[in-house]
PDB file of N, CA and C in Angstrom:
ATOM      1  N   MET A   1     -25.235  18.913  -4.440  1.00  0.00           N
ATOM      2  CA  MET A   1     -25.167  20.530  -3.927  1.00  0.00           C
ATOM      3  C   MET A   1     -23.653  21.911  -4.493  1.00  0.00           C
ATOM      4  N   ALA A   2     -24.349  22.472  -5.117  1.00  0.00           N
ATOM      5  CA  ALA A   2     -23.302  23.178  -5.536  1.00  0.00           C
ATOM      6  C   ALA A   2     -21.950  23.458  -4.977  1.00  0.00           C
ATOM      7  N   ARG A   3     -21.392  24.390  -4.768  1.00  0.00           N
ATOM      8  CA  ARG A   3     -19.894  24.171  -4.557  1.00  0.00           C
ATOM      9  C   ARG A   3     -20.176  25.580  -3.026  1.00  0.00           C
ATOM     10  N   GLU A   4     -20.757  27.073  -4.085  1.00  0.00           N
ATOM     11  CA  GLU A   4     -21.356  27.947  -4.027  1.00  0.00           C
ATOM     12  C   GLU A   4     -22.411  27.998  -2.125  1.00  0.00           C
ATOM     13  N   GLN A   5     -23.210  26.507  -2.002  1.00  0.00           N
ATOM     14  CA  GLN A   5     -24.220  26.651  -1.418  1.00  0.00           C
ATOM     15  C   GLN A   5     -23.600  25.728  -0.262  1.00  0.00           C
ATOM     16  N   ILE A   6     -22.278  25.231  -0.362  1.00  0.00           N
ATOM     17  CA  ILE A   6     -21.680  24.657   1.011  1.00  0.00           C
ATOM     18  C   ILE A   6     -20.793  25.933   2.034  1.00  0.00           C
ATOM     19  N   THR A   7     -21.628  25.868   3.304  1.00  0.00           N
ATOM     20  CA  THR A   7     -21.484  26.460   4.324  1.00  0.00           C
ATOM     21  C   THR A   7     -20.291  26.247   4.496  1.00  0.00           C
ATOM     22  N   GLY A   8     -19.506  27.496   5.294  1.00  0.00           N
ATOM     23  CA  GLY A   8     -18.318  27.859   5.983  1.00  0.00           C
ATOM     24  C   GLY A   8     -17.714  26.131   6.700  1.00  0.00           C
ATOM     25  N   SER A   9     -18.828  25.822   7.402  1.00  0.00           N
ATOM     26  CA  SER A   9     -18.154  24.459   8.323  1.00  0.00           C
ATOM     27  C   SER A   9     -18.297  23.189   7.854  1.00  0.00           C
ATOM     28  N   GLU A  10     -19.544  23.140   6.802  1.00  0.00           N
ATOM     29  CA  GLU A  10     -19.368  22.298   6.214  1.00  0.00           C
ATOM     30  C   GLU A  10     -17.896  21.920   5.286  1.00  0.00           C
ATOM     31  N   GLN A  11     -17.364  23.216   4.632  1.00  0.00           N
ATOM     32  CA  GLN A  11     -15.887  23.494   4.012  1.00  0.00           C
ATOM     33  C   GLN A  11     -15.348  22.749   4.965  1.00  0.00           C
ATOM     34  N   GLU A  12     -14.682  23.275   5.974  1.00  0.00           N
ATOM     35  CA  GLU A  12     -14.140  22.709   7.041  1.00  0.00           C
ATOM     36  C   GLU A  12     -14.153  21.481   7.617  1.00  0.00           C
ATOM     37  N   HIS A  13     -15.612  21.305   7.485  1.00  0.00           N
ATOM     38  CA  HIS A  13     -15.568  19.315   8.068  1.00  0.00           C
ATOM     39  C   HIS A  13     -15.224  18.635   6.459  1.00  0.00           C
ATOM     40  N   LEU A  14     -15.530  18.811   5.553  1.00  0.00           N
ATOM     41  CA  LEU A  14     -15.103  17.962   4.386  1.00  0.00           C
ATOM     42  C   LEU A  14     -13.481  18.681   4.621  1.00  0.00           C
ATOM     43  N   ALA A  15     -12.857  19.542   4.323  1.00  0.00           N
ATOM     44  CA  ALA A  15     -11.628  19.486   4.422  1.00  0.00           C
ATOM     45  C   ALA A  15     -10.798  18.280   6.071  1.00  0.00           C
ATOM     46  N   GLY A  16     -11.102  18.709   6.737  1.00  0.00           N
ATOM     47  CA  GLY A  16     -10.996  17.369   8.023  1.00  0.00           C
ATOM     48  C   GLY A  16     -11.132  16.140   7.776  1.00  0.00           C
ATOM     49  N   LEU A  17     -12.146  15.608   6.585  1.00  0.00           N
ATOM     50  CA  LEU A  17     -12.515  14.997   6.452  1.00  0.00           C
ATOM     51  C   LEU A  17     -11.231  14.315   5.107  1.00  0.00           C
ATOM     52  N   ARG A  18     -11.026  14.527   4.233  1.00  0.00           N
ATOM     53  CA  ARG A  18     -10.061  14.909   3.009  1.00  0.00           C
ATOM     54  C   ARG A  18      -8.463  14.900   4.204  1.00  0.00           C
ATOM     55  N   ASP A  19      -8.284  15.292   5.235  1.00  0.00           N
ATOM     56  CA  ASP A  19      -6.629  15.636   5.619  1.00  0.00           C
ATOM     57  C   ASP A  19      -6.942  14.368   6.370  1.00  0.00           C
ATOM     58  N   ARG A  20      -8.049  14.291   7.362  1.00  0.00           N
ATOM     59  CA  ARG A  20      -7.469  13.215   7.487  1.00  0.00           C
ATOM     60  C   ARG A  20      -7.536  11.730   7.328  1.00  0.00           C
ATOM     61  N   PHE A  21      -7.388  11.779   5.735  1.00  0.00           N
ATOM     62  CA  PHE A  21      -7.359  10.308   5.564  1.00  0.00           C
ATOM     63  C   PHE A  21      -6.101  10.281   4.540  1.00  0.00           C
ATOM     64  N   LEU A  22      -5.361  11.264   4.380  1.00  0.00           N
ATOM     65  CA  LEU A  22      -3.841  11.181   3.722  1.00  0.00           C
ATOM     66  C   LEU A  22      -3.002  10.397   4.387  1.00  0.00           C
ATOM     67  N   TYR A  23      -2.024   9.602   3.829  1.00  0.00           N
ATOM     68  CA  TYR A  23      -1.325   8.879   4.105  1.00  0.00           C
ATOM     69  C   TYR A  23      -0.158   9.633   5.128  1.00  0.00           C
ATOM     70  N   PRO A  24       0.423   9.513   5.995  1.00  0.00           N
ATOM     71  CA  PRO A  24       1.703   9.647   7.115  1.00  0.00           C
ATOM     72  C   PRO A  24       2.759  10.640   5.794  1.00  0.00           C
ATOM     73  N   GLY A  25       2.492  12.120   6.109  1.00  0.00           N
ATOM     74  CA  GLY A  25       3.890  12.842   5.863  1.00  0.00           C
ATOM     75  C   GLY A  25       3.021  13.664   4.253  1.00  0.00           C
ATOM     76  N   GLU A  26       1.780  12.995   3.862  1.00  0.00           N
ATOM     77  CA  GLU A  26       1.577  13.403   2.611  1.00  0.00           C
ATOM     78  C   GLU A  26       0.690  14.533   3.069  1.00  0.00           C
ATOM     79  N   ARG A  27       0.973  15.993   2.255  1.00  0.00           N
ATOM     80  CA  ARG A  27      -0.002  16.789   2.396  1.00  0.00           C
ATOM     81  C   ARG A  27      -1.222  16.718   1.625  1.00  0.00           C
ATOM     82  N   SER A  28      -1.711  17.591   1.840  1.00  0.00           N
ATOM     83  CA  SER A  28      -3.390  18.109   0.856  1.00  0.00           C
ATOM     84  C   SER A  28      -2.974  18.400  -0.616  1.00  0.00           C
ATOM     85  N   PHE A  29      -4.203  18.046  -1.557  1.00  0.00           N
ATOM     86  CA  PHE A  29      -3.559  18.306  -2.835  1.00  0.00           C
ATOM     87  C   PHE A  29      -3.220  19.339  -3.661  1.00  0.00           C
ATOM     88  N   GLN A  30      -3.435  20.398  -3.119  1.00  0.00           N
ATOM     89  CA  GLN A  30      -3.479  21.987  -3.017  1.00  0.00           C
ATOM     90  C   GLN A  30      -2.132  22.335  -2.853  1.00  0.00           C
ATOM     91  N   SER A  31      -1.417  21.863  -1.859  1.00  0.00           N
ATOM     92  CA  SER A  31      -0.207  22.177  -1.058  1.00  0.00           C
ATOM     93  C   SER A  31       0.791  21.217  -1.831  1.00  0.00           C
ATOM     94  N   ARG A  32       0.137  20.519  -2.762  1.00  0.00           N
ATOM     95  CA  ARG A  32       0.940  19.260  -3.497  1.00  0.00           C
ATOM     96  C   ARG A  32       1.211  20.043  -4.674  1.00  0.00           C
ATOM     97  N   GLN A  33       1.076  20.922  -5.036  1.00  0.00           N
ATOM     98  CA  GLN A  33       1.224  21.207  -6.962  1.00  0.00           C
ATOM     99  C   GLN A  33       2.089  21.059  -7.463  1.00  0.00           C
ATOM    100  N   GLY A  34       3.370  21.446  -6.204  1.00  0.00           N
ATOM    101  CA  GLY A  34       4.605  21.884  -7.114  1.00  0.00           C
ATOM    102  C   GLY A  34       5.244  20.208  -7.491  1.00  0.00           C
ATOM    103  N   THR A  35       4.069  18.910  -7.073  1.00  0.00           N
ATOM    104  CA  THR A  35       5.050  17.696  -6.590  1.00  0.00           C
ATOM    105  C   THR A  35       5.358  17.056  -8.343  1.00  0.00           C
ATOM    106  N   ARG A  36       5.487  16.325  -8.431  1.00  0.00           N
ATOM    107  CA  ARG A  36       6.203  15.941  -9.764  1.00  0.00           C
ATOM    108  C   ARG A  36       4.921  14.029 -10.244  1.00  0.00           C
ATOM    109  N   LYS A  37       4.072  13.952 -10.502  1.00  0.00           N
ATOM    110  CA  LYS A  37       2.821  13.005 -10.404  1.00  0.00           C
ATOM    111  C   LYS A  37       3.105  12.062 -11.554  1.00  0.00           C
ATOM    112  N   ILE A  38       3.282  10.755 -11.746  1.00  0.00           N
ATOM    113  CA  ILE A  38       3.178  10.143 -13.260  1.00  0.00           C
ATOM    114  C   ILE A  38       1.862   9.386 -13.075  1.00  0.00           C
ATOM    115  N   ARG A  39       0.963   9.802 -14.315  1.00  0.00           N
ATOM    116  CA  ARG A  39      -0.263   9.327 -14.465  1.00  0.00           C
ATOM    117  C   ARG A  39       0.194   8.453 -15.878  1.00  0.00           C
ATOM    118  N   ILE A  40      -0.770   6.906 -14.941  1.00  0.00           N
ATOM    119  CA  ILE A  40      -0.555   5.671 -15.460  1.00  0.00           C
ATOM    120  C   ILE A  40      -1.777   5.441 -15.583  1.00  0.00           C
ATOM    121  N   THR A  41      -2.192   4.791 -17.019  1.00  0.00           N
ATOM    122  CA  THR A  41      -3.434   3.936 -16.988  1.00  0.00           C
ATOM    123  C   THR A  41      -3.471   2.385 -17.112  1.00  0.00           C
ATOM    124  N   VAL A  42      -4.711   1.513 -16.317  1.00  0.00           N
ATOM    125  CA  VAL A  42      -4.919   0.726 -16.510  1.00  0.00           C
ATOM    126  C   VAL A  42      -5.944   0.018 -17.442  1.00  0.00           C
ATOM    127  N   ASP A  43      -5.955  -0.807 -18.112  1.00  0.00           N
ATOM    128  CA  ASP A  43      -7.157  -1.322 -18.324  1.00  0.00           C
ATOM    129  C   ASP A  43      -7.328  -2.599 -17.951  1.00  0.00           C
ATOM    130  N   LEU A  44      -8.647  -2.494 -17.485  1.00  0.00           N
ATOM    131  CA  LEU A  44      -9.406  -3.407 -16.609  1.00  0.00           C
ATOM    132  C   LEU A  44     -10.593  -4.172 -17.548  1.00  0.00           C
ATOM    133  N   GLU A  45     -10.618  -5.808 -16.900  1.00  0.00           N
ATOM    134  CA  GLU A  45     -11.995  -6.376 -17.642  1.00  0.00           C
ATOM    135  C   GLU A  45     -12.963  -5.661 -17.339  1.00  0.00           C
ATOM    136  N   GLU A  46     -14.067  -5.916 -17.460  1.00  0.00           N
ATOM    137  CA  GLU A  46     -15.892  -5.480 -16.269  1.00  0.00           C
ATOM    138  C   GLU A  46     -15.318  -6.077 -15.096  1.00  0.00           C
ATOM    139  N   ALA A  47     -15.503  -7.319 -14.692  1.00  0.00           N
ATOM    140  CA  ALA A  47     -14.712  -8.540 -13.596  1.00  0.00           C
ATOM    141  C   ALA A  47     -13.969  -7.293 -13.031  1.00  0.00           C
ATOM    142  N   ASP A  48     -13.159  -7.085 -13.579  1.00  0.00           N
ATOM    143  CA  ASP A  48     -12.249  -7.000 -12.488  1.00  0.00           C
ATOM    144  C   ASP A  48     -12.506  -5.095 -12.064  1.00  0.00           C
ATOM    145  N   TYR A  49     -12.694  -4.154 -12.942  1.00  0.00           N
ATOM    146  CA  TYR A  49     -13.243  -2.998 -12.115  1.00  0.00           C
ATOM    147  C   TYR A  49     -14.141  -2.977 -11.462  1.00  0.00           C
ATOM    148  N   ARG A  50     -15.685  -3.568 -11.545  1.00  0.00           N
ATOM    149  CA  ARG A  50     -16.448  -4.642 -10.343  1.00  0.00           C
ATOM    150  C   ARG A  50     -15.684  -4.746  -9.659  1.00  0.00           C
ATOM    151  N   THR A  51     -14.616  -5.335  -9.239  1.00  0.00           N
ATOM    152  CA  THR A  51     -14.225  -6.053  -7.927  1.00  0.00           C
ATOM    153  C   THR A  51     -12.955  -4.766  -7.035  1.00  0.00           C
ATOM    154  N   LEU A  52     -12.305  -3.614  -8.438  1.00  0.00           N
ATOM    155  CA  LEU A  52     -12.396  -2.888  -7.513  1.00  0.00           C
ATOM    156  C   LEU A  52     -13.129  -1.443  -7.154  1.00  0.00           C
ATOM    157  N   LYS A  53     -14.109  -1.323  -7.619  1.00  0.00           N
ATOM    158  CA  LYS A  53     -15.674  -1.114  -7.474  1.00  0.00           C
ATOM    159  C   LYS A  53     -15.820  -0.951  -5.878  1.00  0.00           C
ATOM    160  N   ASP A  54     -16.053  -2.389  -6.117  1.00  0.00           N
ATOM    161  CA  ASP A  54     -16.707  -3.097  -4.775  1.00  0.00           C
ATOM    162  C   ASP A  54     -15.215  -3.185  -3.597  1.00  0.00           C
ATOM    163  N   LEU A  55     -14.539  -3.580  -3.722  1.00  0.00           N
ATOM    164  CA  LEU A  55     -13.224  -3.056  -2.854  1.00  0.00           C
ATOM    165  C   LEU A  55     -13.437  -1.724  -2.561  1.00  0.00           C
ATOM    166  N   THR A  56     -13.452  -0.608  -3.234  1.00  0.00           N
ATOM    167  CA  THR A  56     -12.901   0.542  -2.972  1.00  0.00           C
ATOM    168  C   THR A  56     -14.427   1.153  -1.939  1.00  0.00           C
ATOM    169  N   ASP A  57     -15.851   0.563  -2.225  1.00  0.00           N
ATOM    170  CA  ASP A  57     -16.568   0.807  -1.739  1.00  0.00           C
ATOM    171  C   ASP A  57     -16.338   0.075  -0.200  1.00  0.00           C
ATOM    172  N   HIS A  58     -16.481  -1.059  -0.263  1.00  0.00           N
ATOM    173  CA  HIS A  58     -15.821  -1.493   1.292  1.00  0.00           C
ATOM    174  C   HIS A  58     -15.103  -1.235   1.993  1.00  0.00           C
ATOM    175  N   LEU A  59     -13.982  -0.851   1.518  1.00  0.00           N
ATOM    176  CA  LEU A  59     -12.726   0.168   2.414  1.00  0.00           C
ATOM    177  C   LEU A  59     -12.937   1.056   2.860  1.00  0.00           C
ATOM    178  N   ALA A  60     -14.097   1.738   2.010  1.00  0.00           N
ATOM    179  CA  ALA A  60     -14.974   3.398   2.501  1.00  0.00           C
ATOM    180  C   ALA A  60     -15.653   3.040   3.291  1.00  0.00           C
ATOM    181  N   MET A  61     -16.412   2.134   3.385  1.00  0.00           N
ATOM    182  CA  MET A  61     -17.823   1.975   4.815  1.00  0.00           C
ATOM    183  C   MET A  61     -16.420   1.943   6.273  1.00  0.00           C
ATOM    184  N   LEU A  62     -15.274   0.737   5.895  1.00  0.00           N
ATOM    185  CA  LEU A  62     -15.093   0.356   6.794  1.00  0.00           C
ATOM    186  C   LEU A  62     -13.725   1.698   7.502  1.00  0.00           C
ATOM    187  N   SER A  63     -13.225   2.217   6.478  1.00  0.00           N
ATOM    188  CA  SER A  63     -12.726   3.376   6.987  1.00  0.00           C
ATOM    189  C   SER A  63     -13.253   4.577   7.541  1.00  0.00           C
ATOM    190  N   GLY A  64     -14.766   4.990   6.951  1.00  0.00           N
ATOM    191  CA  GLY A  64     -15.243   6.099   7.741  1.00  0.00           C
ATOM    192  C   GLY A  64     -15.287   7.279   6.501  1.00  0.00           C
ATOM    193  N   ASN A  65     -14.297   6.731   5.925  1.00  0.00           N
ATOM    194  CA  ASN A  65     -14.375   7.962   4.853  1.00  0.00           C
ATOM    195  C   ASN A  65     -14.998   7.828   3.901  1.00  0.00           C
ATOM    196  N   PRO A  66     -16.496   8.388   3.520  1.00  0.00           N
ATOM    197  CA  PRO A  66     -17.632   8.116   1.555  1.00  0.00           C
ATOM    198  C   PRO A  66     -16.777   8.887   0.963  1.00  0.00           C
ATOM    199  N   VAL A  67     -15.544   9.242   0.546  1.00  0.00           N
ATOM    200  CA  VAL A  67     -14.849  10.035  -0.825  1.00  0.00           C
ATOM    201  C   VAL A  67     -13.770   8.498  -0.983  1.00  0.00           C
ATOM    202  N   LEU A  68     -13.396   7.430  -0.518  1.00  0.00           N
ATOM    203  CA  LEU A  68     -12.133   7.075  -0.920  1.00  0.00           C
ATOM    204  C   LEU A  68     -12.210   6.919  -2.243  1.00  0.00           C
ATOM    205  N   SER A  69     -11.020   7.139  -2.859  1.00  0.00           N
ATOM    206  CA  SER A  69     -10.680   6.856  -4.779  1.00  0.00           C
ATOM    207  C   SER A  69      -9.912   5.705  -5.102  1.00  0.00           C
ATOM    208  N   HIS A  70     -10.114   5.433  -6.624  1.00  0.00           N
ATOM    209  CA  HIS A  70      -9.765   3.980  -7.193  1.00  0.00           C
ATOM    210  C   HIS A  70      -8.489   4.710  -6.899  1.00  0.00           C
ATOM    211  N   ALA A  71      -7.750   5.719  -6.643  1.00  0.00           N
ATOM    212  CA  ALA A  71      -6.672   6.121  -7.066  1.00  0.00           C
ATOM    213  C   ALA A  71      -5.708   5.765  -5.533  1.00  0.00           C
ATOM    214  N   ALA A  72      -6.555   6.119  -4.655  1.00  0.00           N
ATOM    215  CA  ALA A  72      -6.258   5.337  -3.157  1.00  0.00           C
ATOM    216  C   ALA A  72      -6.196   4.454  -2.874  1.00  0.00           C
ATOM    217  N   VAL A  73      -6.950   3.754  -3.098  1.00  0.00           N
ATOM    218  CA  VAL A  73      -6.669   2.063  -3.379  1.00  0.00           C
ATOM    219  C   VAL A  73      -5.504   1.324  -3.726  1.00  0.00           C
ATOM    220  N   TRP A  74      -5.366   1.810  -5.367  1.00  0.00           N
ATOM    221  CA  TRP A  74      -4.536   1.208  -5.601  1.00  0.00           C
ATOM    222  C   TRP A  74      -2.612   1.672  -5.250  1.00  0.00           C
ATOM    223  N   ARG A  75      -3.234   2.670  -4.875  1.00  0.00           N
ATOM    224  CA  ARG A  75      -1.832   3.730  -4.319  1.00  0.00           C
ATOM    225  C   ARG A  75      -1.583   2.688  -2.691  1.00  0.00           C
ATOM    226  N   GLU A  76      -1.959   2.744  -2.062  1.00  0.00           N
ATOM    227  CA  GLU A  76      -1.814   1.418  -1.174  1.00  0.00           C
ATOM    228  C   GLU A  76      -1.859   0.136  -1.419  1.00  0.00           C
ATOM    229  N   MET A  77      -1.822  -0.903  -2.097  1.00  0.00           N
ATOM    230  CA  MET A  77      -2.189  -2.249  -2.370  1.00  0.00           C
ATOM    231  C   MET A  77      -1.051  -2.094  -2.685  1.00  0.00           C
ATOM    232  N   LEU A  78      -0.474  -1.697  -3.497  1.00  0.00           N
ATOM    233  CA  LEU A  78       0.680  -0.915  -4.352  1.00  0.00           C
ATOM    234  C   LEU A  78       1.968  -0.944  -3.012  1.00  0.00           C
ATOM    235  N   ARG A  79       1.821  -0.002  -1.941  1.00  0.00           N
ATOM    236  CA  ARG A  79       2.675   0.646  -1.053  1.00  0.00           C
ATOM    237  C   ARG A  79       2.670  -1.537  -0.092  1.00  0.00           C
ATOM    238  N   LEU A  80       1.407  -1.334   0.509  1.00  0.00           N
ATOM    239  CA  LEU A  80       1.409  -3.088   0.913  1.00  0.00           C
ATOM    240  C   LEU A  80       1.988  -4.308   0.208  1.00  0.00           C
ATOM    241  N   THR A  81       1.882  -4.404  -1.341  1.00  0.00           N
ATOM    242  CA  THR A  81       2.327  -5.600  -1.905  1.00  0.00           C
ATOM    243  C   THR A  81       4.468  -5.293  -1.534  1.00  0.00           C
ATOM    244  N   ALA A  82       4.766  -4.419  -1.936  1.00  0.00           N
ATOM    245  CA  ALA A  82       5.445  -3.621  -2.012  1.00  0.00           C
ATOM    246  C   ALA A  82       6.692  -4.004  -0.684  1.00  0.00           C
ATOM    247  N   GLU A  83       5.876  -3.684   0.049  1.00  0.00           N
ATOM    248  CA  GLU A  83       6.633  -3.686   1.917  1.00  0.00           C
ATOM    249  C   GLU A  83       6.464  -5.045   2.638  1.00  0.00           C
ATOM    250  N   ASN A  84       4.861  -5.755   1.660  1.00  0.00           N
ATOM    251  CA  ASN A  84       5.363  -7.062   2.469  1.00  0.00           C
ATOM    252  C   ASN A  84       5.768  -8.163   1.519  1.00  0.00           C
ATOM    253  N   THR A  85       7.190  -8.389   1.612  1.00  0.00           N
ATOM    254  CA  THR A  85       7.600  -9.315   0.605  1.00  0.00           C
ATOM    255  C   THR A  85       7.033 -10.818   1.230  1.00  0.00           C
ATOM    256  N   VAL A  86       6.566 -11.272   1.551  1.00  0.00           N
ATOM    257  CA  VAL A  86       5.302 -12.816   1.971  1.00  0.00           C
ATOM    258  C   VAL A  86       4.825 -12.854   0.885  1.00  0.00           C
ATOM    259  N   LEU A  87       3.808 -11.549   0.623  1.00  0.00           N
ATOM    260  CA  LEU A  87       3.055 -11.605  -0.228  1.00  0.00           C
ATOM    261  C   LEU A  87       3.528 -12.266  -1.596  1.00  0.00           C
ATOM    262  N   HIS A  88       4.669 -11.852  -2.144  1.00  0.00           N
ATOM    263  CA  HIS A  88       5.808 -11.562  -3.279  1.00  0.00           C
ATOM    264  C   HIS A  88       5.302 -13.487  -4.110  1.00  0.00           C
ATOM    265  N   PRO A  89       5.503 -14.480  -3.678  1.00  0.00           N
ATOM    266  CA  PRO A  89       5.584 -15.634  -4.052  1.00  0.00           C
ATOM    267  C   PRO A  89       4.178 -15.846  -4.586  1.00  0.00           C
ATOM    268  N   ALA A  90       3.103 -15.346  -3.974  1.00  0.00           N
ATOM    269  CA  ALA A  90       1.783 -15.808  -4.540  1.00  0.00           C
ATOM    270  C   ALA A  90       1.315 -14.630  -5.228  1.00  0.00           C
ATOM    271  N   LEU A  91       1.706 -13.716  -5.340  1.00  0.00           N
ATOM    272  CA  LEU A  91       1.989 -12.530  -6.425  1.00  0.00           C
ATOM    273  C   LEU A  91       2.707 -13.709  -8.046  1.00  0.00           C
ATOM    274  N   VAL A  92       3.892 -13.961  -7.943  1.00  0.00           N
ATOM    275  CA  VAL A  92       4.750 -14.521  -8.475  1.00  0.00           C
ATOM    276  C   VAL A  92       3.494 -15.446  -9.466  1.00  0.00           C
ATOM    277  N   MET A  93       3.110 -16.168  -8.294  1.00  0.00           N
ATOM    278  CA  MET A  93       2.149 -17.551  -8.911  1.00  0.00           C
ATOM    279  C   MET A  93       0.906 -17.614  -9.652  1.00  0.00           C
ATOM    280  N   ARG A  94       0.417 -15.776  -9.600  1.00  0.00           N
ATOM    281  CA  ARG A  94      -0.831 -15.140  -9.921  1.00  0.00           C
ATOM    282  C   ARG A  94       0.094 -14.882 -11.452  1.00  0.00           C
ATOM    283  N   LEU A  95       0.788 -14.146 -11.713  1.00  0.00           N
ATOM    284  CA  LEU A  95       1.938 -13.284 -12.407  1.00  0.00           C
ATOM    285  C   LEU A  95       2.327 -14.634 -13.486  1.00  0.00           C
ATOM    286  N   ARG A  96       2.671 -15.629 -13.665  1.00  0.00           N
ATOM    287  CA  ARG A  96       3.443 -16.839 -14.068  1.00  0.00           C
ATOM    288  C   ARG A  96       2.762 -17.119 -15.290  1.00  0.00           C
ATOM    289  N   PRO A  97       1.676 -17.174 -15.229  1.00  0.00           N
ATOM    290  CA  PRO A  97       0.869 -17.460 -16.547  1.00  0.00           C
ATOM    291  C   PRO A  97       0.733 -16.441 -16.974  1.00  0.00           C
ATOM    292  N   LEU A  98       0.625 -14.975 -16.935  1.00  0.00           N
ATOM    293  CA  LEU A  98       0.717 -14.024 -17.746  1.00  0.00           C
ATOM    294  C   LEU A  98       2.059 -13.309 -18.716  1.00  0.00           C
ATOM    295  N   THR A  99       3.257 -14.047 -18.046  1.00  0.00           N
ATOM    296  CA  THR A  99       4.698 -14.115 -18.496  1.00  0.00           C
ATOM    297  C   THR A  99       4.718 -14.930 -19.429  1.00  0.00           C
ATOM    298  N   GLU A 100       3.890 -16.451 -18.810  1.00  0.00           N
ATOM    299  CA  GLU A 100       5.005 -17.372 -20.197  1.00  0.00           C
ATOM    300  C   GLU A 100       4.002 -18.004 -21.084  1.00  0.00           C
ATOM    301  N   GLY A 101       3.188 -16.433 -21.280  1.00  0.00           N
ATOM    302  CA  GLY A 101       2.547 -16.478 -22.876  1.00  0.00           C
ATOM    303  C   GLY A 101       1.582 -17.578 -23.424  1.00  0.00           C
ATOM    304  N   PRO A 102       1.044 -18.091 -24.161  1.00  0.00           N
ATOM    305  CA  PRO A 102      -0.250 -19.103 -24.136  1.00  0.00           C
ATOM    306  C   PRO A 102       0.396 -20.216 -24.368  1.00  0.00           C
ATOM    307  N   PRO A 103      -0.328 -21.428 -23.689  1.00  0.00           N
ATOM    308  CA  PRO A 103       0.237 -22.677 -24.076  1.00  0.00           C
ATOM    309  C   PRO A 103       0.895 -23.194 -25.368  1.00  0.00           C
ATOM    310  N   THR A 104       1.521 -23.842 -25.824  1.00  0.00           N
ATOM    311  CA  THR A 104       2.238 -24.583 -26.873  1.00  0.00           C
ATOM    312  C   THR A 104       1.875 -26.074 -26.623  1.00  0.00           C
ATOM    313  N   ALA A 105       1.974 -25.976 -27.732  1.00  0.00           N
ATOM    314  CA  ALA A 105       1.494 -27.746 -28.051  1.00  0.00           C
ATOM    315  C   ALA A 105       2.589 -29.436 -27.606  1.00  0.00           C
ATOM    316  N   ASP A 106       3.691 -28.588 -27.410  1.00  0.00           N
ATOM    317  CA  ASP A 106       4.870 -29.072 -26.200  1.00  0.00           C
ATOM    318  C   ASP A 106       3.782 -29.298 -24.873  1.00  0.00           C
ATOM    319  N   THR A 107       3.487 -28.443 -24.173  1.00  0.00           N
ATOM    320  CA  THR A 107       2.754 -28.034 -23.093  1.00  0.00           C
ATOM    321  C   THR A 107       1.383 -28.833 -22.509  1.00  0.00           C
TER     322      THR A 107
END
């Protein structure tokens, strides 16, 4: 549906949905234009992208937010992991093979 075909009440409903799912203290994009954002790029294997897509779709369904973005899911996963130090040892165990490099003949 083209933007000009959306009625005023539909626009209000969509704005309400958008505002309902902002993080506490976060303002909508239109009012945050002056804030500095840093863009990152993440290269995902096809299976990892499918996992992200499936997780985002599942969380969108659970939250009732049909417009949940991958970026919103990434931000929340980052915050959740940073806040929950009990997850850090499991994360370290998953990252350790990545930081140790490929196996050598001695190992």
